[in-house]
């Protein structure tokens, strides 16, 4: 049942493309994820490769004699931490986040991705982009839950959003960029919104920012003199929709292509008969220092 608070959240989300969920995770839950983030980076849960490509070009970042601080500073973002960390996996199903997702997506919700950002001082942000550009849902239900694991501030590189930029439902073109403020991801451009209209999302640890897959957003570098801006970003969509995230199998029509590396977090999965597979492996995203040509 959706109460008044959920309706208000859904209304704000529909109009502006985002909404805040205070205390989505407790201080204890935040601390558990941060503790396990260090274990992931140290390799306690298995080696983390550098870059999406697996094989001989994948380079482990871990140094055997590195301190905890040194280890964390070697990483910018780890994809799929929920496959390694029990605390990150539980965060996929955080009750307040699930309730909010049901109010904006519908009763059947699945998760397809998680990302653990460990942005220490001097580390870059991400240029303007739309998540739907990278995760192409067929019904436009893509929704992110960006959970602050440290107090997110302008100084340490919080998210910035362009309110209402989701409403047109348009995916804007993207291009390569070499701005030192940003990591190796592309940047969206040629959209009818101004940087001056952007709003910084400064939130305390444990708060979640819920936002639409078409919402233009970015983050800047961590310009603080010390400390991190850690965050856990999880991506969700309607379980009733197919996800053509990868090229169709030989002989398969694009219309029925469906990425099945998912976690059901609410309701039922109409495509449960397809089963699930372990397609993606955890890996570290390269940053500017790591070399964007990798």
C-alpha atoms as a PDB file:
ATOM      1  CA  UNK A   1       0.000   0.000   0.000  1.00  0.00           C
ATOM      2  CA  UNK A   2       1.372   3.462  -0.960  1.00  0.00           C
ATOM      3  CA  UNK A   3       0.959   6.006   1.843  1.00  0.00           C
ATOM      4  CA  UNK A   4       0.941   9.796   1.601  1.00  0.00           C
ATOM      5  CA  UNK A   5       4.715  10.012   1.984  1.00  0.00           C
ATOM      6  CA  UNK A   6       5.224   7.591  -0.911  1.00  0.00           C
ATOM      7  CA  UNK A   7       2.792   9.580  -3.075  1.00  0.00           C
ATOM      8  CA  UNK A   8       4.676  12.802  -2.343  1.00  0.00           C
ATOM      9  CA  UNK A   9       7.970  11.140  -3.210  1.00  0.00           C
ATOM     10  CA  UNK A  10       6.512   9.720  -6.431  1.00  0.00           C
ATOM     11  CA  UNK A  11       5.108  13.135  -7.357  1.00  0.00           C
ATOM     12  CA  UNK A  12       8.429  14.898  -6.808  1.00  0.00           C
ATOM     13  CA  UNK A  13      10.197  12.135  -8.722  1.00  0.00           C
ATOM     14  CA  UNK A  14       7.821  12.453 -11.679  1.00  0.00           C
ATOM     15  CA  UNK A  15       8.193  16.230 -11.873  1.00  0.00           C
ATOM     16  CA  UNK A  16      11.868  16.706 -11.128  1.00  0.00           C
ATOM     17  CA  UNK A  17      13.340  13.296 -11.962  1.00  0.00           C
ATOM     18  CA  UNK A  18      14.744  12.658  -8.503  1.00  0.00           C
ATOM     19  CA  UNK A  19      13.805  12.380  -4.840  1.00  0.00           C
ATOM     20  CA  UNK A  20      15.630  11.935  -1.548  1.00  0.00           C
ATOM     21  CA  UNK A  21      15.198   9.056   0.903  1.00  0.00           C
ATOM     22  CA  UNK A  22      16.535  10.113   4.323  1.00  0.00           C
ATOM     23  CA  UNK A  23      18.070   7.401   6.508  1.00  0.00           C
ATOM     24  CA  UNK A  24      17.812   4.814   3.757  1.00  0.00           C
ATOM     25  CA  UNK A  25      20.649   2.997   5.520  1.00  0.00           C
ATOM     26  CA  UNK A  26      21.477   3.165   9.219  1.00  0.00           C
ATOM     27  CA  UNK A  27      24.929   4.292  10.446  1.00  0.00           C
ATOM     28  CA  UNK A  28      25.694   0.654  11.249  1.00  0.00           C
ATOM     29  CA  UNK A  29      24.782  -0.455   7.725  1.00  0.00           C
ATOM     30  CA  UNK A  30      26.889   2.324   6.216  1.00  0.00           C
ATOM     31  CA  UNK A  31      29.862   1.331   8.373  1.00  0.00           C
ATOM     32  CA  UNK A  32      29.478  -2.333   7.351  1.00  0.00           C
ATOM     33  CA  UNK A  33      29.595  -1.445   3.650  1.00  0.00           C
ATOM     34  CA  UNK A  34      32.633   0.784   4.133  1.00  0.00           C
ATOM     35  CA  UNK A  35      34.385  -1.963   6.100  1.00  0.00           C
ATOM     36  CA  UNK A  36      33.659  -4.512   3.407  1.00  0.00           C
ATOM     37  CA  UNK A  37      34.764  -2.038   0.718  1.00  0.00           C
ATOM     38  CA  UNK A  38      38.250  -2.185   2.205  1.00  0.00           C
ATOM     39  CA  UNK A  39      38.126  -5.974   2.196  1.00  0.00           C
ATOM     40  CA  UNK A  40      37.067  -5.949  -1.460  1.00  0.00           C
ATOM     41  CA  UNK A  41      39.923  -3.601  -2.353  1.00  0.00           C
ATOM     42  CA  UNK A  42      42.405  -5.724  -0.419  1.00  0.00           C
ATOM     43  CA  UNK A  43      41.325  -8.786  -2.344  1.00  0.00           C
ATOM     44  CA  UNK A  44      39.795 -10.655   0.598  1.00  0.00           C
ATOM     45  CA  UNK A  45      36.811 -11.544  -1.606  1.00  0.00           C
ATOM     46  CA  UNK A  46      38.898 -12.319  -4.686  1.00  0.00           C
ATOM     47  CA  UNK A  47      41.051 -10.347  -7.089  1.00  0.00           C
ATOM     48  CA  UNK A  48      39.515  -7.243  -8.628  1.00  0.00           C
ATOM     49  CA  UNK A  49      40.619  -6.706 -12.211  1.00  0.00           C
ATOM     50  CA  UNK A  50      41.302  -3.320 -13.747  1.00  0.00           C
ATOM     51  CA  UNK A  51      38.852  -2.421 -16.466  1.00  0.00           C
ATOM     52  CA  UNK A  52      35.860  -4.229 -17.918  1.00  0.00           C
ATOM     53  CA  UNK A  53      37.855  -6.523 -20.200  1.00  0.00           C
ATOM     54  CA  UNK A  54      38.913  -9.808 -18.624  1.00  0.00           C
ATOM     55  CA  UNK A  55      42.048 -11.632 -19.653  1.00  0.00           C
ATOM     56  CA  UNK A  56      45.741 -10.759 -19.924  1.00  0.00           C
ATOM     57  CA  UNK A  57      45.074  -7.016 -20.137  1.00  0.00           C
ATOM     58  CA  UNK A  58      43.357  -7.051 -16.756  1.00  0.00           C
ATOM     59  CA  UNK A  59      45.770  -5.718 -14.156  1.00  0.00           C
ATOM     60  CA  UNK A  60      45.169  -6.108 -10.403  1.00  0.00           C
ATOM     61  CA  UNK A  61      45.626  -2.846  -8.527  1.00  0.00           C
ATOM     62  CA  UNK A  62      46.461  -4.294  -5.137  1.00  0.00           C
ATOM     63  CA  UNK A  63      49.966  -3.869  -3.736  1.00  0.00           C
ATOM     64  CA  UNK A  64      50.983  -6.411  -1.133  1.00  0.00           C
ATOM     65  CA  UNK A  65      52.549  -3.891   1.278  1.00  0.00           C
ATOM     66  CA  UNK A  66      49.942  -1.126   0.869  1.00  0.00           C
ATOM     67  CA  UNK A  67      48.288   0.466   3.892  1.00  0.00           C
ATOM     68  CA  UNK A  68      44.511   0.623   4.136  1.00  0.00           C
ATOM     69  CA  UNK A  69      44.586   4.247   2.943  1.00  0.00           C
ATOM     70  CA  UNK A  70      46.867   3.386   0.037  1.00  0.00           C
ATOM     71  CA  UNK A  71      44.637   0.504  -1.000  1.00  0.00           C
ATOM     72  CA  UNK A  72      41.459   2.578  -1.056  1.00  0.00           C
ATOM     73  CA  UNK A  73      43.136   5.396  -2.979  1.00  0.00           C
ATOM     74  CA  UNK A  74      43.993   2.993  -5.798  1.00  0.00           C
ATOM     75  CA  UNK A  75      40.314   2.586  -6.639  1.00  0.00           C
ATOM     76  CA  UNK A  76      37.746   4.947  -8.099  1.00  0.00           C
ATOM     77  CA  UNK A  77      34.769   2.638  -8.692  1.00  0.00           C
ATOM     78  CA  UNK A  78      34.138  -1.091  -8.360  1.00  0.00           C
ATOM     79  CA  UNK A  79      31.292  -2.558 -10.379  1.00  0.00           C
ATOM     80  CA  UNK A  80      29.069  -5.303  -8.954  1.00  0.00           C
ATOM     81  CA  UNK A  81      30.185  -5.162  -5.312  1.00  0.00           C
ATOM     82  CA  UNK A  82      26.921  -6.917  -4.357  1.00  0.00           C
ATOM     83  CA  UNK A  83      28.441 -10.089  -5.819  1.00  0.00           C
ATOM     84  CA  UNK A  84      31.256  -9.895  -3.268  1.00  0.00           C
ATOM     85  CA  UNK A  85      29.972  -8.034  -0.230  1.00  0.00           C
ATOM     86  CA  UNK A  86      27.067  -9.335   1.874  1.00  0.00           C
ATOM     87  CA  UNK A  87      26.466  -5.792   3.163  1.00  0.00           C
ATOM     88  CA  UNK A  88      26.280  -4.375  -0.365  1.00  0.00           C
ATOM     89  CA  UNK A  89      23.914  -7.176  -1.364  1.00  0.00           C
ATOM     90  CA  UNK A  90      21.634  -6.357   1.571  1.00  0.00           C
ATOM     91  CA  UNK A  91      21.647  -2.699   0.532  1.00  0.00           C
ATOM     92  CA  UNK A  92      19.991  -3.726  -2.746  1.00  0.00           C
ATOM     93  CA  UNK A  93      16.966  -4.653  -0.659  1.00  0.00           C
ATOM     94  CA  UNK A  94      16.983  -1.815   1.892  1.00  0.00           C
ATOM     95  CA  UNK A  95      13.300  -1.509   2.906  1.00  0.00           C
ATOM     96  CA  UNK A  96      12.997   2.274   2.521  1.00  0.00           C
ATOM     97  CA  UNK A  97      14.575   2.115  -0.922  1.00  0.00           C
ATOM     98  CA  UNK A  98      12.413  -0.798  -2.015  1.00  0.00           C
ATOM     99  CA  UNK A  99       9.254   1.017  -0.878  1.00  0.00           C
ATOM    100  CA  UNK A 100      10.282   4.077  -2.865  1.00  0.00           C
ATOM    101  CA  UNK A 101      11.108   2.006  -5.946  1.00  0.00           C
ATOM    102  CA  UNK A 102       7.709   0.328  -5.865  1.00  0.00           C
ATOM    103  CA  UNK A 103       6.053   3.750  -5.690  1.00  0.00           C
ATOM    104  CA  UNK A 104       7.847   5.033  -8.822  1.00  0.00           C
ATOM    105  CA  UNK A 105       8.349   1.831 -10.861  1.00  0.00           C
ATOM    106  CA  UNK A 106       5.560  -0.535  -9.865  1.00  0.00           C
ATOM    107  CA  UNK A 107       5.139  -3.703  -7.795  1.00  0.00           C
ATOM    108  CA  UNK A 108       7.690  -5.849  -9.638  1.00  0.00           C
ATOM    109  CA  UNK A 109      11.259  -4.572  -9.425  1.00  0.00           C
ATOM    110  CA  UNK A 110      14.611  -6.127 -10.295  1.00  0.00           C
ATOM    111  CA  UNK A 111      18.183  -4.938  -9.758  1.00  0.00           C
ATOM    112  CA  UNK A 112      20.764  -5.316 -12.516  1.00  0.00           C
ATOM    113  CA  UNK A 113      23.857  -3.484 -11.340  1.00  0.00           C
ATOM    114  CA  UNK A 114      25.668  -2.032  -8.364  1.00  0.00           C
ATOM    115  CA  UNK A 115      28.644   0.315  -8.267  1.00  0.00           C
ATOM    116  CA  UNK A 116      30.825   1.183  -5.273  1.00  0.00           C
ATOM    117  CA  UNK A 117      32.469   4.589  -5.656  1.00  0.00           C
ATOM    118  CA  UNK A 118      35.571   5.243  -3.568  1.00  0.00           C
ATOM    119  CA  UNK A 119      36.493   8.786  -4.543  1.00  0.00           C
ATOM    120  CA  UNK A 120      39.434   9.956  -2.469  1.00  0.00           C
ATOM    121  CA  UNK A 121      40.881  13.456  -2.647  1.00  0.00           C
ATOM    122  CA  UNK A 122      41.989  14.371  -6.148  1.00  0.00           C
ATOM    123  CA  UNK A 123      39.963  11.628  -7.826  1.00  0.00           C
ATOM    124  CA  UNK A 124      37.781  12.714 -10.765  1.00  0.00           C
ATOM    125  CA  UNK A 125      34.030  12.790 -11.127  1.00  0.00           C
ATOM    126  CA  UNK A 126      31.821  11.828 -14.069  1.00  0.00           C
ATOM    127  CA  UNK A 127      30.775  14.174 -16.886  1.00  0.00           C
ATOM    128  CA  UNK A 128      27.126  14.838 -17.746  1.00  0.00           C
ATOM    129  CA  UNK A 129      25.399  11.596 -18.633  1.00  0.00           C
ATOM    130  CA  UNK A 130      22.125   9.674 -18.503  1.00  0.00           C
ATOM    131  CA  UNK A 131      22.126   6.177 -17.061  1.00  0.00           C
ATOM    132  CA  UNK A 132      19.642   5.005 -19.685  1.00  0.00           C
ATOM    133  CA  UNK A 133      22.337   5.646 -22.314  1.00  0.00           C
ATOM    134  CA  UNK A 134      24.366   2.801 -20.777  1.00  0.00           C
ATOM    135  CA  UNK A 135      21.543   0.584 -19.487  1.00  0.00           C
ATOM    136  CA  UNK A 136      18.836   0.522 -22.192  1.00  0.00           C
ATOM    137  CA  UNK A 137      15.564  -0.507 -20.576  1.00  0.00           C
ATOM    138  CA  UNK A 138      12.700  -1.030 -23.008  1.00  0.00           C
ATOM    139  CA  UNK A 139      10.040   0.673 -20.896  1.00  0.00           C
ATOM    140  CA  UNK A 140      12.029   3.647 -19.538  1.00  0.00           C
ATOM    141  CA  UNK A 141      11.751   2.313 -15.982  1.00  0.00           C
ATOM    142  CA  UNK A 142      15.465   2.566 -15.169  1.00  0.00           C
ATOM    143  CA  UNK A 143      15.928   4.069 -11.718  1.00  0.00           C
ATOM    144  CA  UNK A 144      19.098   4.576  -9.698  1.00  0.00           C
ATOM    145  CA  UNK A 145      19.467   4.619  -5.932  1.00  0.00           C
ATOM    146  CA  UNK A 146      22.657   6.545  -5.122  1.00  0.00           C
ATOM    147  CA  UNK A 147      23.438   5.999  -1.435  1.00  0.00           C
ATOM    148  CA  UNK A 148      25.909   8.299   0.308  1.00  0.00           C
ATOM    149  CA  UNK A 149      28.436   6.354   2.408  1.00  0.00           C
ATOM    150  CA  UNK A 150      30.110   9.592   3.508  1.00  0.00           C
ATOM    151  CA  UNK A 151      28.539  13.011   3.815  1.00  0.00           C
ATOM    152  CA  UNK A 152      28.423  14.146   0.180  1.00  0.00           C
ATOM    153  CA  UNK A 153      29.391  17.790  -0.277  1.00  0.00           C
ATOM    154  CA  UNK A 154      30.317  20.119  -3.116  1.00  0.00           C
ATOM    155  CA  UNK A 155      33.918  20.030  -1.923  1.00  0.00           C
ATOM    156  CA  UNK A 156      34.248  16.235  -2.014  1.00  0.00           C
ATOM    157  CA  UNK A 157      32.412  15.746  -5.303  1.00  0.00           C
ATOM    158  CA  UNK A 158      28.669  15.274  -4.670  1.00  0.00           C
ATOM    159  CA  UNK A 159      26.263  14.649  -7.528  1.00  0.00           C
ATOM    160  CA  UNK A 160      24.773  17.525  -9.517  1.00  0.00           C
ATOM    161  CA  UNK A 161      21.439  17.112 -11.293  1.00  0.00           C
ATOM    162  CA  UNK A 162      19.517  19.046 -13.940  1.00  0.00           C
ATOM    163  CA  UNK A 163      15.957  18.961 -12.531  1.00  0.00           C
ATOM    164  CA  UNK A 164      13.298  17.996 -15.053  1.00  0.00           C
ATOM    165  CA  UNK A 165      15.804  16.945 -17.727  1.00  0.00           C
ATOM    166  CA  UNK A 166      14.240  13.471 -17.754  1.00  0.00           C
ATOM    167  CA  UNK A 167      10.799  14.585 -18.889  1.00  0.00           C
ATOM    168  CA  UNK A 168      11.445  14.693 -22.637  1.00  0.00           C
ATOM    169  CA  UNK A 169      12.517  11.065 -22.596  1.00  0.00           C
ATOM    170  CA  UNK A 170      15.312  11.892 -25.034  1.00  0.00           C
ATOM    171  CA  UNK A 171      18.745  10.279 -25.015  1.00  0.00           C
ATOM    172  CA  UNK A 172      21.273  12.930 -25.927  1.00  0.00           C
ATOM    173  CA  UNK A 173      24.414  12.218 -27.967  1.00  0.00           C
ATOM    174  CA  UNK A 174      27.650  11.377 -26.202  1.00  0.00           C
ATOM    175  CA  UNK A 175      31.278  12.033 -27.043  1.00  0.00           C
ATOM    176  CA  UNK A 176      34.698  11.248 -25.662  1.00  0.00           C
ATOM    177  CA  UNK A 177      36.155  13.863 -23.350  1.00  0.00           C
ATOM    178  CA  UNK A 178      39.557  14.541 -21.815  1.00  0.00           C
ATOM    179  CA  UNK A 179      38.562  16.987 -19.100  1.00  0.00           C
ATOM    180  CA  UNK A 180      40.779  16.217 -16.063  1.00  0.00           C
ATOM    181  CA  UNK A 181      37.802  16.799 -13.769  1.00  0.00           C
ATOM    182  CA  UNK A 182      36.171  13.611 -15.062  1.00  0.00           C
ATOM    183  CA  UNK A 183      36.968   9.926 -15.392  1.00  0.00           C
ATOM    184  CA  UNK A 184      37.070   7.936 -18.617  1.00  0.00           C
ATOM    185  CA  UNK A 185      33.339   7.870 -19.293  1.00  0.00           C
ATOM    186  CA  UNK A 186      31.871   9.806 -22.212  1.00  0.00           C
ATOM    187  CA  UNK A 187      29.917  13.041 -21.778  1.00  0.00           C
ATOM    188  CA  UNK A 188      26.426  13.864 -22.986  1.00  0.00           C
ATOM    189  CA  UNK A 189      26.121  17.073 -24.989  1.00  0.00           C
ATOM    190  CA  UNK A 190      23.791  19.131 -27.190  1.00  0.00           C
ATOM    191  CA  UNK A 191      20.987  19.174 -24.631  1.00  0.00           C
ATOM    192  CA  UNK A 192      18.720  22.195 -24.000  1.00  0.00           C
ATOM    193  CA  UNK A 193      19.775  22.736 -20.388  1.00  0.00           C
ATOM    194  CA  UNK A 194      22.431  24.968 -18.877  1.00  0.00           C
ATOM    195  CA  UNK A 195      25.110  24.119 -16.358  1.00  0.00           C
ATOM    196  CA  UNK A 196      23.864  27.110 -14.342  1.00  0.00           C
ATOM    197  CA  UNK A 197      20.566  25.275 -13.813  1.00  0.00           C
ATOM    198  CA  UNK A 198      22.290  22.324 -12.144  1.00  0.00           C
ATOM    199  CA  UNK A 199      21.580  21.633  -8.479  1.00  0.00           C
ATOM    200  CA  UNK A 200      24.152  20.090  -6.117  1.00  0.00           C
ATOM    201  CA  UNK A 201      22.841  17.188  -4.059  1.00  0.00           C
ATOM    202  CA  UNK A 202      24.588  17.562  -0.717  1.00  0.00           C
ATOM    203  CA  UNK A 203      23.338  14.784   1.545  1.00  0.00           C
ATOM    204  CA  UNK A 204      24.479  13.054   4.743  1.00  0.00           C
ATOM    205  CA  UNK A 205      25.753   9.503   4.857  1.00  0.00           C
ATOM    206  CA  UNK A 206      22.898   7.007   4.769  1.00  0.00           C
ATOM    207  CA  UNK A 207      20.622   9.163   2.600  1.00  0.00           C
ATOM    208  CA  UNK A 208      19.724   7.840  -0.848  1.00  0.00           C
ATOM    209  CA  UNK A 209      19.141   9.888  -3.976  1.00  0.00           C
ATOM    210  CA  UNK A 210      16.597   8.160  -6.212  1.00  0.00           C
ATOM    211  CA  UNK A 211      16.668   9.338  -9.822  1.00  0.00           C
ATOM    212  CA  UNK A 212      15.271   8.557 -13.251  1.00  0.00           C
ATOM    213  CA  UNK A 213      17.425   6.919 -15.912  1.00  0.00           C
ATOM    214  CA  UNK A 214      16.922   9.865 -18.276  1.00  0.00           C
ATOM    215  CA  UNK A 215      17.944  12.510 -15.729  1.00  0.00           C
ATOM    216  CA  UNK A 216      21.126  14.366 -16.701  1.00  0.00           C
ATOM    217  CA  UNK A 217      23.586  14.292 -13.832  1.00  0.00           C
ATOM    218  CA  UNK A 218      27.293  14.575 -13.158  1.00  0.00           C
ATOM    219  CA  UNK A 219      29.842  14.821 -10.376  1.00  0.00           C
ATOM    220  CA  UNK A 220      33.033  16.842 -10.069  1.00  0.00           C
ATOM    221  CA  UNK A 221      36.383  15.812  -8.624  1.00  0.00           C
ATOM    222  CA  UNK A 222      36.964  15.451  -4.913  1.00  0.00           C
ATOM    223  CA  UNK A 223      38.748  18.744  -4.270  1.00  0.00           C
ATOM    224  CA  UNK A 224      38.980  18.255  -0.509  1.00  0.00           C
ATOM    225  CA  UNK A 225      42.344  18.081   1.203  1.00  0.00           C
ATOM    226  CA  UNK A 226      41.590  14.705   2.754  1.00  0.00           C
ATOM    227  CA  UNK A 227      38.869  12.106   3.007  1.00  0.00           C
ATOM    228  CA  UNK A 228      36.571  10.217   0.692  1.00  0.00           C
ATOM    229  CA  UNK A 229      33.261  10.603  -1.025  1.00  0.00           C
ATOM    230  CA  UNK A 230      32.145   6.997  -0.994  1.00  0.00           C
ATOM    231  CA  UNK A 231      28.792   5.987  -2.408  1.00  0.00           C
ATOM    232  CA  UNK A 232      26.895   2.894  -3.461  1.00  0.00           C
ATOM    233  CA  UNK A 233      24.886   3.268  -6.670  1.00  0.00           C
ATOM    234  CA  UNK A 234      22.355   0.539  -7.475  1.00  0.00           C
ATOM    235  CA  UNK A 235      20.307   0.305 -10.667  1.00  0.00           C
ATOM    236  CA  UNK A 236      16.770  -1.042 -10.872  1.00  0.00           C
ATOM    237  CA  UNK A 237      13.948  -1.410 -13.374  1.00  0.00           C
ATOM    238  CA  UNK A 238      10.579  -3.055 -13.789  1.00  0.00           C
ATOM    239  CA  UNK A 239      10.806  -6.838 -13.697  1.00  0.00           C
ATOM    240  CA  UNK A 240       8.064  -6.839 -16.329  1.00  0.00           C
ATOM    241  CA  UNK A 241      10.393  -5.346 -18.909  1.00  0.00           C
ATOM    242  CA  UNK A 242      13.156  -7.008 -20.911  1.00  0.00           C
ATOM    243  CA  UNK A 243      16.670  -5.590 -20.750  1.00  0.00           C
ATOM    244  CA  UNK A 244      18.542  -5.673 -24.095  1.00  0.00           C
ATOM    245  CA  UNK A 245      21.881  -4.811 -22.469  1.00  0.00           C
ATOM    246  CA  UNK A 246      23.927  -7.122 -24.672  1.00  0.00           C
ATOM    247  CA  UNK A 247      23.830  -8.083 -28.348  1.00  0.00           C
ATOM    248  CA  UNK A 248      21.215 -10.730 -29.153  1.00  0.00           C
ATOM    249  CA  UNK A 249      22.328 -14.328 -29.337  1.00  0.00           C
ATOM    250  CA  UNK A 250      22.740 -15.745 -32.859  1.00  0.00           C
ATOM    251  CA  UNK A 251      19.295 -16.097 -34.411  1.00  0.00           C
ATOM    252  CA  UNK A 252      17.638 -14.141 -31.576  1.00  0.00           C
ATOM    253  CA  UNK A 253      15.566 -11.066 -32.401  1.00  0.00           C
ATOM    254  CA  UNK A 254      16.456  -7.877 -30.530  1.00  0.00           C
ATOM    255  CA  UNK A 255      12.865  -7.642 -29.266  1.00  0.00           C
ATOM    256  CA  UNK A 256      13.342 -10.657 -26.997  1.00  0.00           C
ATOM    257  CA  UNK A 257      16.963 -10.044 -26.008  1.00  0.00           C
ATOM    258  CA  UNK A 258      17.066 -10.053 -22.217  1.00  0.00           C
ATOM    259  CA  UNK A 259      19.937  -9.574 -19.750  1.00  0.00           C
ATOM    260  CA  UNK A 260      19.308 -12.062 -16.963  1.00  0.00           C
ATOM    261  CA  UNK A 261      22.040 -11.250 -14.453  1.00  0.00           C
ATOM    262  CA  UNK A 262      19.478  -9.807 -12.043  1.00  0.00           C
ATOM    263  CA  UNK A 263      18.287  -9.808  -8.448  1.00  0.00           C
ATOM    264  CA  UNK A 264      14.521  -9.619  -7.833  1.00  0.00           C
ATOM    265  CA  UNK A 265      13.922  -7.207  -4.984  1.00  0.00           C
ATOM    266  CA  UNK A 266      10.131  -6.740  -5.046  1.00  0.00           C
ATOM    267  CA  UNK A 267       7.104  -8.606  -6.342  1.00  0.00           C
ATOM    268  CA  UNK A 268       7.291 -11.272  -9.027  1.00  0.00           C
ATOM    269  CA  UNK A 269       9.476 -11.856 -12.074  1.00  0.00           C
ATOM    270  CA  UNK A 270       7.273 -12.653 -15.102  1.00  0.00           C
ATOM    271  CA  UNK A 271      10.370 -13.989 -16.859  1.00  0.00           C
ATOM    272  CA  UNK A 272      11.518 -16.233 -14.037  1.00  0.00           C
ATOM    273  CA  UNK A 273      11.250 -19.202 -16.392  1.00  0.00           C
ATOM    274  CA  UNK A 274      14.336 -17.832 -18.172  1.00  0.00           C
ATOM    275  CA  UNK A 275      16.409 -18.369 -15.048  1.00  0.00           C
ATOM    276  CA  UNK A 276      19.323 -16.170 -14.007  1.00  0.00           C
ATOM    277  CA  UNK A 277      22.991 -16.278 -14.951  1.00  0.00           C
ATOM    278  CA  UNK A 278      26.224 -14.864 -13.564  1.00  0.00           C
ATOM    279  CA  UNK A 279      27.233 -12.787 -16.588  1.00  0.00           C
ATOM    280  CA  UNK A 280      29.179  -9.846 -15.197  1.00  0.00           C
ATOM    281  CA  UNK A 281      32.178 -10.131 -12.879  1.00  0.00           C
ATOM    282  CA  UNK A 282      33.292  -7.436 -10.425  1.00  0.00           C
ATOM    283  CA  UNK A 283      35.900  -5.068 -11.854  1.00  0.00           C
ATOM    284  CA  UNK A 284      37.442  -1.665 -11.221  1.00  0.00           C
ATOM    285  CA  UNK A 285      36.737   1.309 -13.483  1.00  0.00           C
ATOM    286  CA  UNK A 286      39.890   3.091 -14.725  1.00  0.00           C
ATOM    287  CA  UNK A 287      40.337   6.763 -13.936  1.00  0.00           C
ATOM    288  CA  UNK A 288      42.494   9.417 -15.548  1.00  0.00           C
ATOM    289  CA  UNK A 289      45.643   8.311 -13.751  1.00  0.00           C
ATOM    290  CA  UNK A 290      45.036   4.745 -14.814  1.00  0.00           C
ATOM    291  CA  UNK A 291      44.931   5.658 -18.496  1.00  0.00           C
ATOM    292  CA  UNK A 292      41.711   6.123 -20.422  1.00  0.00           C
ATOM    293  CA  UNK A 293      43.084   4.186 -23.397  1.00  0.00           C
ATOM    294  CA  UNK A 294      42.819   0.898 -21.543  1.00  0.00           C
END
